[in-house]
């Protein structure tokens, strides 16, 4: 039997400029992955891969996966059922006081998992690429501070 060689080959080593461009932190990578998954969940389930993704995340344990991902981004969840009217999910920046801020994400839907997925997408959409809350554009509406 031959032996397993684990040393990298000279031609497969990373170049220093490639390492310098590899600046995404683990949190940034997780944010991108969470955004991608939530984006695919918003697409109609025509392909088998999308149906598989929905079978995995359109469940109570699936809600837990989304909530855990959002907790890593610094968010807490509030989930409420309204009798006969569906579910409302709100993601707030973590802390003791939950109030609607520019960073909060909201979602309403007939199912709890869809409400959570919509709220997570809404909250993440409000972040800029650095992971900070995007600045409010006061010219977009009439709610400008006086």
Protein backbone atom coordinates (compact mmCIF):
# COMPACT_ATOMS: atom_id res chain seq x y z
CA UNK A 1 0.00 0.00 0.00
CA UNK A 2 1.08 3.56 -0.68
CA UNK A 3 1.40 6.29 1.86
CA UNK A 4 -0.76 9.38 2.06
CA UNK A 5 1.15 12.59 1.43
CA UNK A 6 -0.48 15.66 2.98
CA UNK A 7 2.12 18.28 2.12
CA UNK A 8 0.84 20.85 -0.38
CA UNK A 9 2.34 20.80 -3.81
CA UNK A 10 4.36 23.85 -4.83
CA UNK A 11 1.91 24.75 -7.60
CA UNK A 12 -1.14 24.53 -5.33
CA UNK A 13 0.05 26.95 -2.64
CA UNK A 14 -1.92 30.13 -2.16
CA UNK A 15 -0.37 33.25 -3.52
CA UNK A 16 0.13 36.17 -1.06
CA UNK A 17 -2.18 38.46 -3.06
CA UNK A 18 -4.98 35.85 -2.82
CA UNK A 19 -4.60 35.80 0.96
CA UNK A 20 -4.73 39.60 1.09
CA UNK A 21 -8.04 39.59 -0.84
CA UNK A 22 -9.55 36.94 1.46
CA UNK A 23 -10.88 39.43 4.02
CA UNK A 24 -14.36 38.08 4.80
CA UNK A 25 -14.76 37.25 8.46
CA UNK A 26 -16.69 34.17 9.58
CA UNK A 27 -19.60 36.45 10.51
CA UNK A 28 -19.59 38.01 7.02
CA UNK A 29 -19.52 34.55 5.44
CA UNK A 30 -22.44 33.40 7.61
CA UNK A 31 -24.39 36.55 6.77
CA UNK A 32 -23.92 35.91 3.05
CA UNK A 33 -24.93 32.27 3.44
CA UNK A 34 -28.03 33.21 5.45
CA UNK A 35 -28.99 35.83 2.84
CA UNK A 36 -28.56 33.27 0.05
CA UNK A 37 -30.68 30.64 1.80
CA UNK A 38 -33.43 33.15 2.56
CA UNK A 39 -33.30 34.35 -1.04
CA UNK A 40 -33.76 30.82 -2.35
CA UNK A 41 -36.65 30.28 0.07
CA UNK A 42 -38.45 33.25 -1.50
CA UNK A 43 -38.31 31.63 -4.97
CA UNK A 44 -41.23 29.51 -6.16
CA UNK A 45 -40.66 25.81 -5.46
CA UNK A 46 -40.47 24.50 -9.02
CA UNK A 47 -37.14 22.69 -8.82
CA UNK A 48 -36.50 19.64 -6.61
CA UNK A 49 -33.62 21.39 -4.85
CA UNK A 50 -35.91 24.23 -3.78
CA UNK A 51 -38.55 21.77 -2.56
CA UNK A 52 -35.83 20.03 -0.53
CA UNK A 53 -34.75 23.34 1.01
CA UNK A 54 -38.36 24.09 1.96
CA UNK A 55 -38.86 20.60 3.44
CA UNK A 56 -35.84 21.29 5.65
CA UNK A 57 -36.60 24.88 6.73
CA UNK A 58 -40.42 25.08 6.58
CA UNK A 59 -40.65 23.34 9.96
CA UNK A 60 -40.29 24.26 13.64
CA UNK A 61 -36.66 23.02 13.67
CA UNK A 62 -36.15 25.10 10.51
CA UNK A 63 -37.30 28.18 12.41
CA UNK A 64 -34.64 27.31 14.98
CA UNK A 65 -31.94 27.28 12.29
CA UNK A 66 -32.96 30.71 11.00
CA UNK A 67 -33.20 32.10 14.56
CA UNK A 68 -29.74 30.71 15.40
CA UNK A 69 -28.32 32.34 12.27
CA UNK A 70 -29.93 35.64 13.14
CA UNK A 71 -28.72 35.39 16.75
CA UNK A 72 -25.17 35.20 15.37
CA UNK A 73 -25.94 38.50 13.60
CA UNK A 74 -27.07 40.05 16.90
CA UNK A 75 -30.86 39.70 16.61
CA UNK A 76 -33.63 38.45 18.91
CA UNK A 77 -36.95 37.08 17.64
CA UNK A 78 -40.51 37.85 18.64
CA UNK A 79 -43.05 35.49 17.07
CA UNK A 80 -46.81 35.84 17.55
CA UNK A 81 -49.84 33.99 16.25
CA UNK A 82 -52.96 35.99 15.51
CA UNK A 83 -56.03 33.80 15.66
CA UNK A 84 -57.24 33.24 12.12
CA UNK A 85 -54.92 35.89 10.69
CA UNK A 86 -51.58 34.10 10.55
CA UNK A 87 -48.25 34.87 12.16
CA UNK A 88 -46.07 37.92 12.72
CA UNK A 89 -42.32 37.71 13.27
CA UNK A 90 -40.08 40.57 14.33
CA UNK A 91 -36.28 40.48 14.56
CA UNK A 92 -34.89 43.14 16.91
CA UNK A 93 -31.27 44.02 17.63
CA UNK A 94 -30.42 41.99 20.73
CA UNK A 95 -30.88 43.50 24.15
CA UNK A 96 -33.41 43.99 26.91
CA UNK A 97 -35.53 46.64 25.20
CA UNK A 98 -37.24 45.56 22.01
CA UNK A 99 -38.39 48.52 20.01
CA UNK A 100 -38.92 49.14 16.33
CA UNK A 101 -35.68 50.64 15.09
CA UNK A 102 -34.17 51.04 11.63
CA UNK A 103 -32.51 47.62 12.08
CA UNK A 104 -35.68 45.69 13.02
CA UNK A 105 -37.09 43.26 10.48
CA UNK A 106 -40.75 42.29 10.21
CA UNK A 107 -42.72 39.61 8.40
CA UNK A 108 -46.35 38.44 8.30
CA UNK A 109 -47.46 35.16 6.76
CA UNK A 110 -49.95 32.29 7.13
CA UNK A 111 -47.21 29.99 8.51
CA UNK A 112 -44.74 30.72 11.32
CA UNK A 113 -41.71 29.65 9.27
CA UNK A 114 -42.60 31.91 6.36
CA UNK A 115 -43.11 34.85 8.75
CA UNK A 116 -39.69 34.19 10.34
CA UNK A 117 -38.01 33.87 6.93
CA UNK A 118 -39.56 37.14 5.72
CA UNK A 119 -38.59 38.99 8.91
CA UNK A 120 -35.02 37.69 8.72
CA UNK A 121 -34.75 38.77 5.08
CA UNK A 122 -36.15 42.18 5.97
CA UNK A 123 -33.67 42.68 8.83
CA UNK A 124 -30.68 41.55 6.76
CA UNK A 125 -31.72 43.78 3.85
CA UNK A 126 -31.40 46.76 6.19
CA UNK A 127 -27.75 46.03 6.88
CA UNK A 128 -25.00 47.38 4.67
CA UNK A 129 -22.20 45.03 3.52
CA UNK A 130 -20.13 45.80 6.66
CA UNK A 131 -22.92 44.37 8.82
CA UNK A 132 -23.90 47.75 10.27
CA UNK A 133 -27.35 49.22 9.92
CA UNK A 134 -27.71 51.09 6.68
CA UNK A 135 -28.15 54.83 7.20
CA UNK A 136 -31.73 56.05 6.94
CA UNK A 137 -32.56 57.95 3.77
CA UNK A 138 -34.81 60.69 5.09
CA UNK A 139 -35.50 61.98 1.57
CA UNK A 140 -37.42 58.79 0.72
CA UNK A 141 -40.45 59.66 2.88
CA UNK A 142 -42.05 62.40 4.91
CA UNK A 143 -40.92 61.01 8.28
CA UNK A 144 -37.90 63.29 8.51
CA UNK A 145 -36.81 64.50 11.95
CA UNK A 146 -37.84 68.01 12.80
